[in-house]
Amino acid sequence: LDLDLRKAKVHLAFGDEKSEKGVSTVLINRHTVKESIRSTIIENLDYIPAGPIPPNPSELLISKRFDELIEELKKDYDFIMMDTPPVGLVTDGMLVMQKADLPVYCKNYLNIL
């Protein structure tokens, strides 16, 4: 899940264009989860892009609908990875981390070079 609802980038890793369907539109019930899932060239790896930038990213991530999204995905997937914005910049990452079974922090070394 691309949960960086402000500066989405996960789609770039798969060579995709930005999508009008994604996490933000699922959380406001504009699209279904199934409509938003994108396949990748990697076997058994799908993802849901962030979708359009909403006016209230943090509110969407603490909504009941976000919990329902996770539960719906658990029915079809063994693992759900959630990419969030940097933890120190906005509260979104901390909000999502509370719902994760195992939070993993990655340092972006590209900004150092």
PDB file of N, CA and C in Angstrom:
ATOM      1  N   LEU A   1       0.837  -1.176   0.000  1.00  0.00           N
ATOM      2  CA  LEU A   1       0.000   0.000   0.000  1.00  0.00           C
ATOM      3  C   LEU A   1       0.881   1.238   0.000  1.00  0.00           C
ATOM      4  N   ASP A   2       0.605   2.135  -0.922  1.00  0.00           N
ATOM      5  CA  ASP A   2       1.303   3.418  -0.890  1.00  0.00           C
ATOM      6  C   ASP A   2       0.473   4.355  -0.023  1.00  0.00           C
ATOM      7  N   LEU A   3       0.916   4.547   1.204  1.00  0.00           N
ATOM      8  CA  LEU A   3       0.190   5.376   2.153  1.00  0.00           C
ATOM      9  C   LEU A   3       0.794   6.768   2.302  1.00  0.00           C
ATOM     10  N   ASP A   4       1.729   7.092   1.436  1.00  0.00           N
ATOM     11  CA  ASP A   4       2.226   8.470   1.414  1.00  0.00           C
ATOM     12  C   ASP A   4       1.246   9.249   0.549  1.00  0.00           C
ATOM     13  N   LEU A   5       0.177   9.682   1.156  1.00  0.00           N
ATOM     14  CA  LEU A   5      -0.915  10.315   0.423  1.00  0.00           C
ATOM     15  C   LEU A   5      -0.616  11.751   0.021  1.00  0.00           C
ATOM     16  N   ARG A   6       0.577  12.235   0.375  1.00  0.00           N
ATOM     17  CA  ARG A   6       0.971  13.595  -0.004  1.00  0.00           C
ATOM     18  C   ARG A   6       1.964  13.584  -1.175  1.00  0.00           C
ATOM     19  N   LYS A   7       2.938  12.682  -1.121  1.00  0.00           N
ATOM     20  CA  LYS A   7       3.967  12.592  -2.163  1.00  0.00           C
ATOM     21  C   LYS A   7       4.153  11.131  -2.565  1.00  0.00           C
ATOM     22  N   ALA A   8       3.182  10.587  -3.227  1.00  0.00           N
ATOM     23  CA  ALA A   8       3.204   9.177  -3.617  1.00  0.00           C
ATOM     24  C   ALA A   8       4.352   8.879  -4.584  1.00  0.00           C
ATOM     25  N   LYS A   9       5.036   7.747  -4.336  1.00  0.00           N
ATOM     26  CA  LYS A   9       6.151   7.375  -5.210  1.00  0.00           C
ATOM     27  C   LYS A   9       6.219   5.881  -5.496  1.00  0.00           C
ATOM     28  N   VAL A  10       5.447   5.068  -4.820  1.00  0.00           N
ATOM     29  CA  VAL A  10       5.548   3.618  -5.012  1.00  0.00           C
ATOM     30  C   VAL A  10       5.305   3.238  -6.471  1.00  0.00           C
ATOM     31  N   HIS A  11       4.375   3.906  -7.120  1.00  0.00           N
ATOM     32  CA  HIS A  11       4.078   3.588  -8.523  1.00  0.00           C
ATOM     33  C   HIS A  11       5.315   3.731  -9.415  1.00  0.00           C
ATOM     34  N   LEU A  12       6.221   4.632  -9.055  1.00  0.00           N
ATOM     35  CA  LEU A  12       7.435   4.841  -9.844  1.00  0.00           C
ATOM     36  C   LEU A  12       8.337   3.612  -9.832  1.00  0.00           C
ATOM     37  N   ALA A  13       8.351   2.890  -8.718  1.00  0.00           N
ATOM     38  CA  ALA A  13       9.182   1.691  -8.606  1.00  0.00           C
ATOM     39  C   ALA A  13       8.746   0.617  -9.596  1.00  0.00           C
ATOM     40  N   PHE A  14       7.504   0.667 -10.027  1.00  0.00           N
ATOM     41  CA  PHE A  14       6.980  -0.327 -10.953  1.00  0.00           C
ATOM     42  C   PHE A  14       6.795   0.237 -12.361  1.00  0.00           C
ATOM     43  N   GLY A  15       7.296   1.445 -12.601  1.00  0.00           N
ATOM     44  CA  GLY A  15       7.215   2.057 -13.916  1.00  0.00           C
ATOM     45  C   GLY A  15       5.807   2.442 -14.324  1.00  0.00           C
ATOM     46  N   ASP A  16       4.941   2.674 -13.343  1.00  0.00           N
ATOM     47  CA  ASP A  16       3.554   3.034 -13.621  1.00  0.00           C
ATOM     48  C   ASP A  16       3.358   4.544 -13.584  1.00  0.00           C
ATOM     49  N   GLU A  17       2.272   4.953 -14.182  1.00  0.00           N
ATOM     50  CA  GLU A  17       1.832   6.341 -14.115  1.00  0.00           C
ATOM     51  C   GLU A  17       1.057   6.541 -12.821  1.00  0.00           C
ATOM     52  N   LYS A  18       0.911   7.777 -12.409  1.00  0.00           N
ATOM     53  CA  LYS A  18       0.052   8.088 -11.264  1.00  0.00           C
ATOM     54  C   LYS A  18      -1.360   7.628 -11.584  1.00  0.00           C
ATOM     55  N   SER A  19      -2.077   7.184 -10.583  1.00  0.00           N
ATOM     56  CA  SER A  19      -3.399   6.629 -10.814  1.00  0.00           C
ATOM     57  C   SER A  19      -4.498   7.463 -10.171  1.00  0.00           C
ATOM     58  N   GLU A  20      -5.625   7.505 -10.823  1.00  0.00           N
ATOM     59  CA  GLU A  20      -6.796   8.165 -10.251  1.00  0.00           C
ATOM     60  C   GLU A  20      -7.556   7.221  -9.329  1.00  0.00           C
ATOM     61  N   LYS A  21      -7.125   5.967  -9.277  1.00  0.00           N
ATOM     62  CA  LYS A  21      -7.695   4.991  -8.348  1.00  0.00           C
ATOM     63  C   LYS A  21      -6.587   4.597  -7.386  1.00  0.00           C
ATOM     64  N   GLY A  22      -6.899   4.546  -6.100  1.00  0.00           N
ATOM     65  CA  GLY A  22      -5.881   4.174  -5.135  1.00  0.00           C
ATOM     66  C   GLY A  22      -6.409   4.241  -3.722  1.00  0.00           C
ATOM     67  N   VAL A  23      -5.494   4.241  -2.781  1.00  0.00           N
ATOM     68  CA  VAL A  23      -5.854   4.231  -1.361  1.00  0.00           C
ATOM     69  C   VAL A  23      -6.804   5.378  -1.028  1.00  0.00           C
ATOM     70  N   SER A  24      -6.490   6.573  -1.502  1.00  0.00           N
ATOM     71  CA  SER A  24      -7.338   7.716  -1.143  1.00  0.00           C
ATOM     72  C   SER A  24      -8.761   7.554  -1.650  1.00  0.00           C
ATOM     73  N   THR A  25      -8.933   7.009  -2.852  1.00  0.00           N
ATOM     74  CA  THR A  25     -10.291   6.853  -3.387  1.00  0.00           C
ATOM     75  C   THR A  25     -11.011   5.650  -2.789  1.00  0.00           C
ATOM     76  N   VAL A  26     -10.257   4.646  -2.369  1.00  0.00           N
ATOM     77  CA  VAL A  26     -10.870   3.512  -1.657  1.00  0.00           C
ATOM     78  C   VAL A  26     -11.404   3.991  -0.312  1.00  0.00           C
ATOM     79  N   LEU A  27     -10.621   4.816   0.375  1.00  0.00           N
ATOM     80  CA  LEU A  27     -11.015   5.263   1.707  1.00  0.00           C
ATOM     81  C   LEU A  27     -12.209   6.217   1.710  1.00  0.00           C
ATOM     82  N   ILE A  28     -12.493   6.836   0.575  1.00  0.00           N
ATOM     83  CA  ILE A  28     -13.701   7.678   0.494  1.00  0.00           C
ATOM     84  C   ILE A  28     -14.817   6.956  -0.273  1.00  0.00           C
ATOM     85  N   ASN A  29     -14.614   5.652  -0.507  1.00  0.00           N
ATOM     86  CA  ASN A  29     -15.610   4.790  -1.168  1.00  0.00           C
ATOM     87  C   ASN A  29     -15.930   5.199  -2.604  1.00  0.00           C
ATOM     88  N   ARG A  30     -14.981   5.817  -3.277  1.00  0.00           N
ATOM     89  CA  ARG A  30     -15.170   6.136  -4.698  1.00  0.00           C
ATOM     90  C   ARG A  30     -14.833   4.925  -5.566  1.00  0.00           C
ATOM     91  N   HIS A  31     -13.840   4.134  -5.126  1.00  0.00           N
ATOM     92  CA  HIS A  31     -13.448   2.920  -5.837  1.00  0.00           C
ATOM     93  C   HIS A  31     -13.365   1.767  -4.848  1.00  0.00           C
ATOM     94  N   THR A  32     -13.467   0.559  -5.374  1.00  0.00           N
ATOM     95  CA  THR A  32     -13.321  -0.626  -4.532  1.00  0.00           C
ATOM     96  C   THR A  32     -11.845  -1.003  -4.444  1.00  0.00           C
ATOM     97  N   VAL A  33     -11.547  -1.860  -3.493  1.00  0.00           N
ATOM     98  CA  VAL A  33     -10.177  -2.364  -3.356  1.00  0.00           C
ATOM     99  C   VAL A  33      -9.785  -3.088  -4.638  1.00  0.00           C
ATOM    100  N   LYS A  34     -10.647  -3.954  -5.129  1.00  0.00           N
ATOM    101  CA  LYS A  34     -10.345  -4.737  -6.337  1.00  0.00           C
ATOM    102  C   LYS A  34     -10.079  -3.843  -7.546  1.00  0.00           C
ATOM    103  N   GLU A  35     -10.801  -2.733  -7.666  1.00  0.00           N
ATOM    104  CA  GLU A  35     -10.586  -1.798  -8.778  1.00  0.00           C
ATOM    105  C   GLU A  35      -9.231  -1.103  -8.683  1.00  0.00           C
ATOM    106  N   SER A  36      -8.693  -0.991  -7.491  1.00  0.00           N
ATOM    107  CA  SER A  36      -7.485  -0.207  -7.255  1.00  0.00           C
ATOM    108  C   SER A  36      -6.202  -1.025  -7.256  1.00  0.00           C
ATOM    109  N   ILE A  37      -6.310  -2.330  -7.135  1.00  0.00           N
ATOM    110  CA  ILE A  37      -5.119  -3.192  -7.082  1.00  0.00           C
ATOM    111  C   ILE A  37      -4.438  -3.224  -8.447  1.00  0.00           C
ATOM    112  N   ARG A  38      -3.137  -3.069  -8.422  1.00  0.00           N
ATOM    113  CA  ARG A  38      -2.329  -3.155  -9.640  1.00  0.00           C
ATOM    114  C   ARG A  38      -1.374  -4.338  -9.535  1.00  0.00           C
ATOM    115  N   SER A  39      -1.277  -5.089 -10.596  1.00  0.00           N
ATOM    116  CA  SER A  39      -0.323  -6.198 -10.668  1.00  0.00           C
ATOM    117  C   SER A  39       1.040  -5.649 -11.061  1.00  0.00           C
ATOM    118  N   THR A  40       2.067  -6.400 -10.718  1.00  0.00           N
ATOM    119  CA  THR A  40       3.426  -6.026 -11.115  1.00  0.00           C
ATOM    120  C   THR A  40       4.030  -7.179 -11.898  1.00  0.00           C
ATOM    121  N   ILE A  41       5.212  -6.956 -12.458  1.00  0.00           N
ATOM    122  CA  ILE A  41       5.881  -8.036 -13.186  1.00  0.00           C
ATOM    123  C   ILE A  41       6.461  -9.077 -12.232  1.00  0.00           C
ATOM    124  N   ILE A  42       6.482  -8.757 -10.950  1.00  0.00           N
ATOM    125  CA  ILE A  42       6.974  -9.695  -9.939  1.00  0.00           C
ATOM    126  C   ILE A  42       5.827 -10.615  -9.542  1.00  0.00           C
ATOM    127  N   GLU A  43       6.054 -11.896  -9.671  1.00  0.00           N
ATOM    128  CA  GLU A  43       5.016 -12.873  -9.368  1.00  0.00           C
ATOM    129  C   GLU A  43       4.522 -12.723  -7.931  1.00  0.00           C
ATOM    130  N   ASN A  44       3.208 -12.747  -7.766  1.00  0.00           N
ATOM    131  CA  ASN A  44       2.553 -12.664  -6.459  1.00  0.00           C
ATOM    132  C   ASN A  44       2.785 -11.334  -5.733  1.00  0.00           C
ATOM    133  N   LEU A  45       3.117 -10.287  -6.454  1.00  0.00           N
ATOM    134  CA  LEU A  45       3.281  -8.975  -5.839  1.00  0.00           C
ATOM    135  C   LEU A  45       2.347  -7.985  -6.521  1.00  0.00           C
ATOM    136  N   ASP A  46       1.368  -7.541  -5.793  1.00  0.00           N
ATOM    137  CA  ASP A  46       0.441  -6.511  -6.247  1.00  0.00           C
ATOM    138  C   ASP A  46       0.633  -5.298  -5.351  1.00  0.00           C
ATOM    139  N   TYR A  47       0.093  -4.186  -5.777  1.00  0.00           N
ATOM    140  CA  TYR A  47       0.131  -3.002  -4.917  1.00  0.00           C
ATOM    141  C   TYR A  47      -1.067  -2.117  -5.203  1.00  0.00           C
ATOM    142  N   ILE A  48      -1.340  -1.246  -4.261  1.00  0.00           N
ATOM    143  CA  ILE A  48      -2.370  -0.227  -4.449  1.00  0.00           C
ATOM    144  C   ILE A  48      -1.669   1.125  -4.357  1.00  0.00           C
ATOM    145  N   PRO A  49      -1.734   1.918  -5.434  1.00  0.00           N
ATOM    146  CA  PRO A  49      -1.113   3.245  -5.384  1.00  0.00           C
ATOM    147  C   PRO A  49      -1.862   4.167  -4.433  1.00  0.00           C
ATOM    148  N   ALA A  50      -1.284   5.291  -4.147  1.00  0.00           N
ATOM    149  CA  ALA A  50      -1.894   6.237  -3.212  1.00  0.00           C
ATOM    150  C   ALA A  50      -3.169   6.855  -3.769  1.00  0.00           C
ATOM    151  N   GLY A  51      -3.231   7.078  -5.076  1.00  0.00           N
ATOM    152  CA  GLY A  51      -4.380   7.768  -5.659  1.00  0.00           C
ATOM    153  C   GLY A  51      -4.186   9.270  -5.572  1.00  0.00           C
ATOM    154  N   PRO A  52      -5.222  10.040  -5.923  1.00  0.00           N
ATOM    155  CA  PRO A  52      -5.114  11.497  -5.873  1.00  0.00           C
ATOM    156  C   PRO A  52      -4.859  12.016  -4.454  1.00  0.00           C
ATOM    157  N   ILE A  53      -4.188  13.141  -4.355  1.00  0.00           N
ATOM    158  CA  ILE A  53      -3.886  13.733  -3.049  1.00  0.00           C
ATOM    159  C   ILE A  53      -5.182  14.244  -2.414  1.00  0.00           C
ATOM    160  N   PRO A  54      -5.528  13.715  -1.236  1.00  0.00           N
ATOM    161  CA  PRO A  54      -6.748  14.179  -0.563  1.00  0.00           C
ATOM    162  C   PRO A  54      -6.465  15.414   0.291  1.00  0.00           C
ATOM    163  N   PRO A  55      -7.509  16.140   0.674  1.00  0.00           N
ATOM    164  CA  PRO A  55      -7.302  17.307   1.525  1.00  0.00           C
ATOM    165  C   PRO A  55      -7.008  16.932   2.981  1.00  0.00           C
ATOM    166  N   ASN A  56      -7.258  15.673   3.351  1.00  0.00           N
ATOM    167  CA  ASN A  56      -7.171  15.251   4.751  1.00  0.00           C
ATOM    168  C   ASN A  56      -6.503  13.886   4.911  1.00  0.00           C
ATOM    169  N   PRO A  57      -5.243  13.719   4.504  1.00  0.00           N
ATOM    170  CA  PRO A  57      -4.603  12.401   4.555  1.00  0.00           C
ATOM    171  C   PRO A  57      -4.633  11.743   5.935  1.00  0.00           C
ATOM    172  N   SER A  58      -4.292  12.475   6.975  1.00  0.00           N
ATOM    173  CA  SER A  58      -4.251  11.876   8.321  1.00  0.00           C
ATOM    174  C   SER A  58      -5.624  11.382   8.752  1.00  0.00           C
ATOM    175  N   GLU A  59      -6.652  12.144   8.462  1.00  0.00           N
ATOM    176  CA  GLU A  59      -8.003  11.736   8.836  1.00  0.00           C
ATOM    177  C   GLU A  59      -8.414  10.447   8.135  1.00  0.00           C
ATOM    178  N   LEU A  60      -8.009  10.294   6.883  1.00  0.00           N
ATOM    179  CA  LEU A  60      -8.345   9.069   6.161  1.00  0.00           C
ATOM    180  C   LEU A  60      -7.660   7.855   6.778  1.00  0.00           C
ATOM    181  N   LEU A  61      -6.420   8.045   7.240  1.00  0.00           N
ATOM    182  CA  LEU A  61      -5.658   6.917   7.782  1.00  0.00           C
ATOM    183  C   LEU A  61      -6.097   6.510   9.188  1.00  0.00           C
ATOM    184  N   ILE A  62      -6.852   7.352   9.871  1.00  0.00           N
ATOM    185  CA  ILE A  62      -7.367   6.953  11.185  1.00  0.00           C
ATOM    186  C   ILE A  62      -8.843   6.563  11.102  1.00  0.00           C
ATOM    187  N   SER A  63      -9.364   6.530   9.895  1.00  0.00           N
ATOM    188  CA  SER A  63     -10.787   6.223   9.721  1.00  0.00           C
ATOM    189  C   SER A  63     -11.071   4.732   9.880  1.00  0.00           C
ATOM    190  N   LYS A  64     -12.288   4.427  10.170  1.00  0.00           N
ATOM    191  CA  LYS A  64     -12.748   3.040  10.250  1.00  0.00           C
ATOM    192  C   LYS A  64     -12.565   2.354   8.897  1.00  0.00           C
ATOM    193  N   ARG A  65     -12.728   3.116   7.840  1.00  0.00           N
ATOM    194  CA  ARG A  65     -12.592   2.542   6.488  1.00  0.00           C
ATOM    195  C   ARG A  65     -11.180   2.037   6.237  1.00  0.00           C
ATOM    196  N   PHE A  66     -10.157   2.696   6.808  1.00  0.00           N
ATOM    197  CA  PHE A  66      -8.778   2.208   6.659  1.00  0.00           C
ATOM    198  C   PHE A  66      -8.634   0.847   7.325  1.00  0.00           C
ATOM    199  N   ASP A  67      -9.194   0.684   8.517  1.00  0.00           N
ATOM    200  CA  ASP A  67      -9.159  -0.610   9.195  1.00  0.00           C
ATOM    201  C   ASP A  67      -9.864  -1.676   8.354  1.00  0.00           C
ATOM    202  N   GLU A  68     -10.975  -1.311   7.745  1.00  0.00           N
ATOM    203  CA  GLU A  68     -11.707  -2.245   6.891  1.00  0.00           C
ATOM    204  C   GLU A  68     -10.890  -2.621   5.651  1.00  0.00           C
ATOM    205  N   LEU A  69     -10.166  -1.658   5.098  1.00  0.00           N
ATOM    206  CA  LEU A  69      -9.291  -1.927   3.957  1.00  0.00           C
ATOM    207  C   LEU A  69      -8.255  -2.984   4.315  1.00  0.00           C
ATOM    208  N   ILE A  70      -7.607  -2.816   5.459  1.00  0.00           N
ATOM    209  CA  ILE A  70      -6.591  -3.774   5.897  1.00  0.00           C
ATOM    210  C   ILE A  70      -7.218  -5.161   6.079  1.00  0.00           C
ATOM    211  N   GLU A  71      -8.360  -5.233   6.722  1.00  0.00           N
ATOM    212  CA  GLU A  71      -9.031  -6.519   6.941  1.00  0.00           C
ATOM    213  C   GLU A  71      -9.424  -7.174   5.621  1.00  0.00           C
ATOM    214  N   GLU A  72      -9.868  -6.382   4.676  1.00  0.00           N
ATOM    215  CA  GLU A  72     -10.237  -6.918   3.361  1.00  0.00           C
ATOM    216  C   GLU A  72      -9.010  -7.492   2.650  1.00  0.00           C
ATOM    217  N   LEU A  73      -7.893  -6.801   2.731  1.00  0.00           N
ATOM    218  CA  LEU A  73      -6.672  -7.282   2.090  1.00  0.00           C
ATOM    219  C   LEU A  73      -6.138  -8.546   2.753  1.00  0.00           C
ATOM    220  N   LYS A  74      -6.314  -8.678   4.061  1.00  0.00           N
ATOM    221  CA  LYS A  74      -5.848  -9.865   4.783  1.00  0.00           C
ATOM    222  C   LYS A  74      -6.517 -11.144   4.291  1.00  0.00           C
ATOM    223  N   LYS A  75      -7.696 -11.020   3.701  1.00  0.00           N
ATOM    224  CA  LYS A  75      -8.400 -12.197   3.182  1.00  0.00           C
ATOM    225  C   LYS A  75      -7.703 -12.784   1.959  1.00  0.00           C
ATOM    226  N   ASP A  76      -7.012 -11.949   1.190  1.00  0.00           N
ATOM    227  CA  ASP A  76      -6.400 -12.393  -0.056  1.00  0.00           C
ATOM    228  C   ASP A  76      -4.870 -12.410  -0.047  1.00  0.00           C
ATOM    229  N   TYR A  77      -4.254 -11.745   0.928  1.00  0.00           N
ATOM    230  CA  TYR A  77      -2.798 -11.607   0.923  1.00  0.00           C
ATOM    231  C   TYR A  77      -2.190 -12.099   2.227  1.00  0.00           C
ATOM    232  N   ASP A  78      -1.025 -12.751   2.112  1.00  0.00           N
ATOM    233  CA  ASP A  78      -0.306 -13.231   3.289  1.00  0.00           C
ATOM    234  C   ASP A  78       0.420 -12.099   4.006  1.00  0.00           C
ATOM    235  N   PHE A  79       0.927 -11.151   3.242  1.00  0.00           N
ATOM    236  CA  PHE A  79       1.675 -10.021   3.796  1.00  0.00           C
ATOM    237  C   PHE A  79       1.156  -8.733   3.184  1.00  0.00           C
ATOM    238  N   ILE A  80       1.068  -7.715   4.008  1.00  0.00           N
ATOM    239  CA  ILE A  80       0.667  -6.385   3.536  1.00  0.00           C
ATOM    240  C   ILE A  80       1.758  -5.417   3.975  1.00  0.00           C
ATOM    241  N   MET A  81       2.440  -4.849   3.005  1.00  0.00           N
ATOM    242  CA  MET A  81       3.472  -3.861   3.302  1.00  0.00           C
ATOM    243  C   MET A  81       2.884  -2.477   3.094  1.00  0.00           C
ATOM    244  N   MET A  82       3.158  -1.597   4.036  1.00  0.00           N
ATOM    245  CA  MET A  82       2.598  -0.253   3.978  1.00  0.00           C
ATOM    246  C   MET A  82       3.724   0.765   3.948  1.00  0.00           C
ATOM    247  N   ASP A  83       3.826   1.477   2.843  1.00  0.00           N
ATOM    248  CA  ASP A  83       4.829   2.526   2.706  1.00  0.00           C
ATOM    249  C   ASP A  83       4.217   3.836   3.173  1.00  0.00           C
ATOM    250  N   THR A  84       4.881   4.497   4.102  1.00  0.00           N
ATOM    251  CA  THR A  84       4.354   5.736   4.676  1.00  0.00           C
ATOM    252  C   THR A  84       5.322   6.893   4.409  1.00  0.00           C
ATOM    253  N   PRO A  85       4.872   8.110   4.642  1.00  0.00           N
ATOM    254  CA  PRO A  85       5.813   9.232   4.567  1.00  0.00           C
ATOM    255  C   PRO A  85       6.838   9.120   5.694  1.00  0.00           C
ATOM    256  N   PRO A  86       7.929   9.852   5.592  1.00  0.00           N
ATOM    257  CA  PRO A  86       8.921   9.831   6.678  1.00  0.00           C
ATOM    258  C   PRO A  86       8.263  10.124   8.029  1.00  0.00           C
ATOM    259  N   VAL A  87       8.612   9.329   9.014  1.00  0.00           N
ATOM    260  CA  VAL A  87       7.970   9.406  10.328  1.00  0.00           C
ATOM    261  C   VAL A  87       8.135  10.777  10.976  1.00  0.00           C
ATOM    262  N   GLY A  88       9.256  11.433  10.783  1.00  0.00           N
ATOM    263  CA  GLY A  88       9.491  12.711  11.443  1.00  0.00           C
ATOM    264  C   GLY A  88       8.816  13.907  10.797  1.00  0.00           C
ATOM    265  N   LEU A  89       8.289  13.737   9.583  1.00  0.00           N
ATOM    266  CA  LEU A  89       7.735  14.890   8.873  1.00  0.00           C
ATOM    267  C   LEU A  89       6.263  15.139   9.150  1.00  0.00           C
ATOM    268  N   VAL A  90       5.460  14.085   9.114  1.00  0.00           N
ATOM    269  CA  VAL A  90       4.016  14.211   9.348  1.00  0.00           C
ATOM    270  C   VAL A  90       3.567  13.058  10.241  1.00  0.00           C
ATOM    271  N   THR A  91       2.385  13.162  10.798  1.00  0.00           N
ATOM    272  CA  THR A  91       1.908  12.138  11.737  1.00  0.00           C
ATOM    273  C   THR A  91       1.434  10.866  11.052  1.00  0.00           C
ATOM    274  N   ASP A  92       1.253  10.878   9.740  1.00  0.00           N
ATOM    275  CA  ASP A  92       0.690   9.735   9.035  1.00  0.00           C
ATOM    276  C   ASP A  92       1.444   8.435   9.321  1.00  0.00           C
ATOM    277  N   GLY A  93       2.764   8.493   9.265  1.00  0.00           N
ATOM    278  CA  GLY A  93       3.571   7.294   9.497  1.00  0.00           C
ATOM    279  C   GLY A  93       3.352   6.706  10.880  1.00  0.00           C
ATOM    280  N   MET A  94       3.274   7.554  11.877  1.00  0.00           N
ATOM    281  CA  MET A  94       3.046   7.085  13.247  1.00  0.00           C
ATOM    282  C   MET A  94       1.650   6.480  13.400  1.00  0.00           C
ATOM    283  N   LEU A  95       0.666   7.066  12.736  1.00  0.00           N
ATOM    284  CA  LEU A  95      -0.695   6.541  12.807  1.00  0.00           C
ATOM    285  C   LEU A  95      -0.773   5.147  12.207  1.00  0.00           C
ATOM    286  N   VAL A  96      -0.124   4.965  11.072  1.00  0.00           N
ATOM    287  CA  VAL A  96      -0.139   3.666  10.396  1.00  0.00           C
ATOM    288  C   VAL A  96       0.680   2.643  11.178  1.00  0.00           C
ATOM    289  N   MET A  97       1.798   3.072  11.749  1.00  0.00           N
ATOM    290  CA  MET A  97       2.672   2.153  12.483  1.00  0.00           C
ATOM    291  C   MET A  97       1.915   1.447  13.609  1.00  0.00           C
ATOM    292  N   GLN A  98       0.952   2.110  14.201  1.00  0.00           N
ATOM    293  CA  GLN A  98       0.180   1.511  15.286  1.00  0.00           C
ATOM    294  C   GLN A  98      -0.662   0.330  14.810  1.00  0.00           C
ATOM    295  N   LYS A  99      -0.906   0.251  13.508  1.00  0.00           N
ATOM    296  CA  LYS A  99      -1.719  -0.820  12.951  1.00  0.00           C
ATOM    297  C   LYS A  99      -0.867  -1.942  12.370  1.00  0.00           C
ATOM    298  N   ALA A 100       0.433  -1.747  12.321  1.00  0.00           N
ATOM    299  CA  ALA A 100       1.340  -2.727  11.721  1.00  0.00           C
ATOM    300  C   ALA A 100       1.748  -3.796  12.739  1.00  0.00           C
ATOM    301  N   ASP A 101       1.914  -5.008  12.251  1.00  0.00           N
ATOM    302  CA  ASP A 101       2.431  -6.080  13.103  1.00  0.00           C
ATOM    303  C   ASP A 101       3.924  -5.903  13.348  1.00  0.00           C
ATOM    304  N   LEU A 102       4.627  -5.397  12.344  1.00  0.00           N
ATOM    305  CA  LEU A 102       6.072  -5.232  12.446  1.00  0.00           C
ATOM    306  C   LEU A 102       6.506  -3.979  11.687  1.00  0.00           C
ATOM    307  N   PRO A 103       6.736  -2.878  12.380  1.00  0.00           N
ATOM    308  CA  PRO A 103       7.218  -1.679  11.677  1.00  0.00           C
ATOM    309  C   PRO A 103       8.700  -1.826  11.327  1.00  0.00           C
ATOM    310  N   VAL A 104       9.057  -1.406  10.125  1.00  0.00           N
ATOM    311  CA  VAL A 104      10.440  -1.446   9.656  1.00  0.00           C
ATOM    312  C   VAL A 104      10.798  -0.034   9.208  1.00  0.00           C
ATOM    313  N   TYR A 105      11.900   0.483   9.711  1.00  0.00           N
ATOM    314  CA  TYR A 105      12.352   1.820   9.357  1.00  0.00           C
ATOM    315  C   TYR A 105      13.501   1.706   8.360  1.00  0.00           C
ATOM    316  N   CYS A 106      13.457   2.495   7.314  1.00  0.00           N
ATOM    317  CA  CYS A 106      14.528   2.523   6.320  1.00  0.00           C
ATOM    318  C   CYS A 106      15.053   3.946   6.217  1.00  0.00           C
ATOM    319  N   LYS A 107      16.358   4.060   6.231  1.00  0.00           N
ATOM    320  CA  LYS A 107      16.970   5.369   6.062  1.00  0.00           C
ATOM    321  C   LYS A 107      17.217   5.598   4.584  1.00  0.00           C
ATOM    322  N   ASN A 108      16.889   6.772   4.112  1.00  0.00           N
ATOM    323  CA  ASN A 108      17.088   7.103   2.708  1.00  0.00           C
ATOM    324  C   ASN A 108      18.494   7.665   2.538  1.00  0.00           C
ATOM    325  N   TYR A 109      19.402   6.830   2.080  1.00  0.00           N
ATOM    326  CA  TYR A 109      20.784   7.255   1.907  1.00  0.00           C
ATOM    327  C   TYR A 109      20.982   8.083   0.637  1.00  0.00           C
ATOM    328  N   LEU A 110      20.004   8.092  -0.249  1.00  0.00           N
ATOM    329  CA  LEU A 110      20.160   8.877  -1.478  1.00  0.00           C
ATOM    330  C   LEU A 110      20.206  10.363  -1.186  1.00  0.00           C
ATOM    331  N   ASN A 111      19.565  10.811  -0.120  1.00  0.00           N
ATOM    332  CA  ASN A 111      19.585  12.241   0.222  1.00  0.00           C
ATOM    333  C   ASN A 111      20.939  12.684   0.755  1.00  0.00           C
ATOM    334  N   ILE A 112      21.748  11.742   1.190  1.00  0.00           N
ATOM    335  CA  ILE A 112      23.060  12.063   1.752  1.00  0.00           C
ATOM    336  C   ILE A 112      24.063  12.363   0.649  1.00  0.00           C
ATOM    337  N   LEU A 113      23.932  11.665  -0.475  1.00  0.00           N
ATOM    338  CA  LEU A 113      24.916  11.788  -1.572  1.00  0.00           C
ATOM    339  C   LEU A 113      24.873  13.120  -2.254  1.00  0.00           C
TER     340      LEU A 113
END
